[in-house]
Amino acid sequence: MKKYAILLDDTFCTGCNSCAYRCIQEFRYHDQASKGLFRTFVQINDDGLYQKRCMHCLEPDCVENCPVKALTKSEYGPVLYNAQKCIGCQTCVRVCKFHVPQFDADTKKIVKCSMCAHRISEDKKPACAEVCPTGALQFGEYEAMKKLAAKLAKEKKLKLYGYEENGGTHLFVLAKEDPTKFGYPKVAKKALKGKVSLDGGIGVPAMAALAVAGFKKYSERRTRIEAEAKKAKK
């Protein structure tokens, strides 16, 4: 199954919040939005723009810790939320390193982005990416978006966020300055097994695995050659 991701190029974002308005229309959550609860929203700070939305982690803490499995990680990328299963315990709010889930005290449910999973199933872009007037939001297959993010970061000397934070996500953010300066949470980078590094190579865990495998092959080959040599002398 194909996996998907979103690439947010902050250098093209004007802070118009067309993405937020379109999201509200798509999911009809006007009441929650009126209380300041958004699935996505662009916050304009003195140092830059912070687009608050679910990062859709590769290994989501919210999914791992939800006691009733109201949050699940889909095979194609998005972290999905089932309001009917949710008991309002707010565990996800507490464990999310990106501070994404927002609790609605009136409904006792949370508000978060789903990457428009219903639209993806219909071969459509997420509503935000479809409406973005400047092309700041791009949507595509995960590997393609990941490679494009790394390529643009290197060519334009931009900072890349979401690539390794918390083990990687399905949202890549490009910015001229460190994104944590204008709102994005400081999250420890955690490499996953076989993870591709920013320079297009493979990460340390994968290198270690290859080194071990290579040494094993070398040892097997050396043992075989020595055995054949001894046999030849007899």
Foldseek 3Di string as FASTA:
>chain_A
DFAKFKEFEQVQDPQPFPLFVLQCVVVVPVVCVVVVATQWHWDQDPVGIDIAADQQFPDQPLCVPPPQNQWDRDPRGFTHGNQVRDPLPCPSCVPGQFNHWDADPVSSGTHHDRQPVVQVVVVHGRRSCVPPPRNSMDMDTQVVSLLVLLVCCVVVVWDWPQCFFVQHGRYIYTHRDDVVVPRGGDGDGDHDAQRQDSVRHTDPNVVVVVVVVVVVVVVVVVVVVVVVVVVVVD
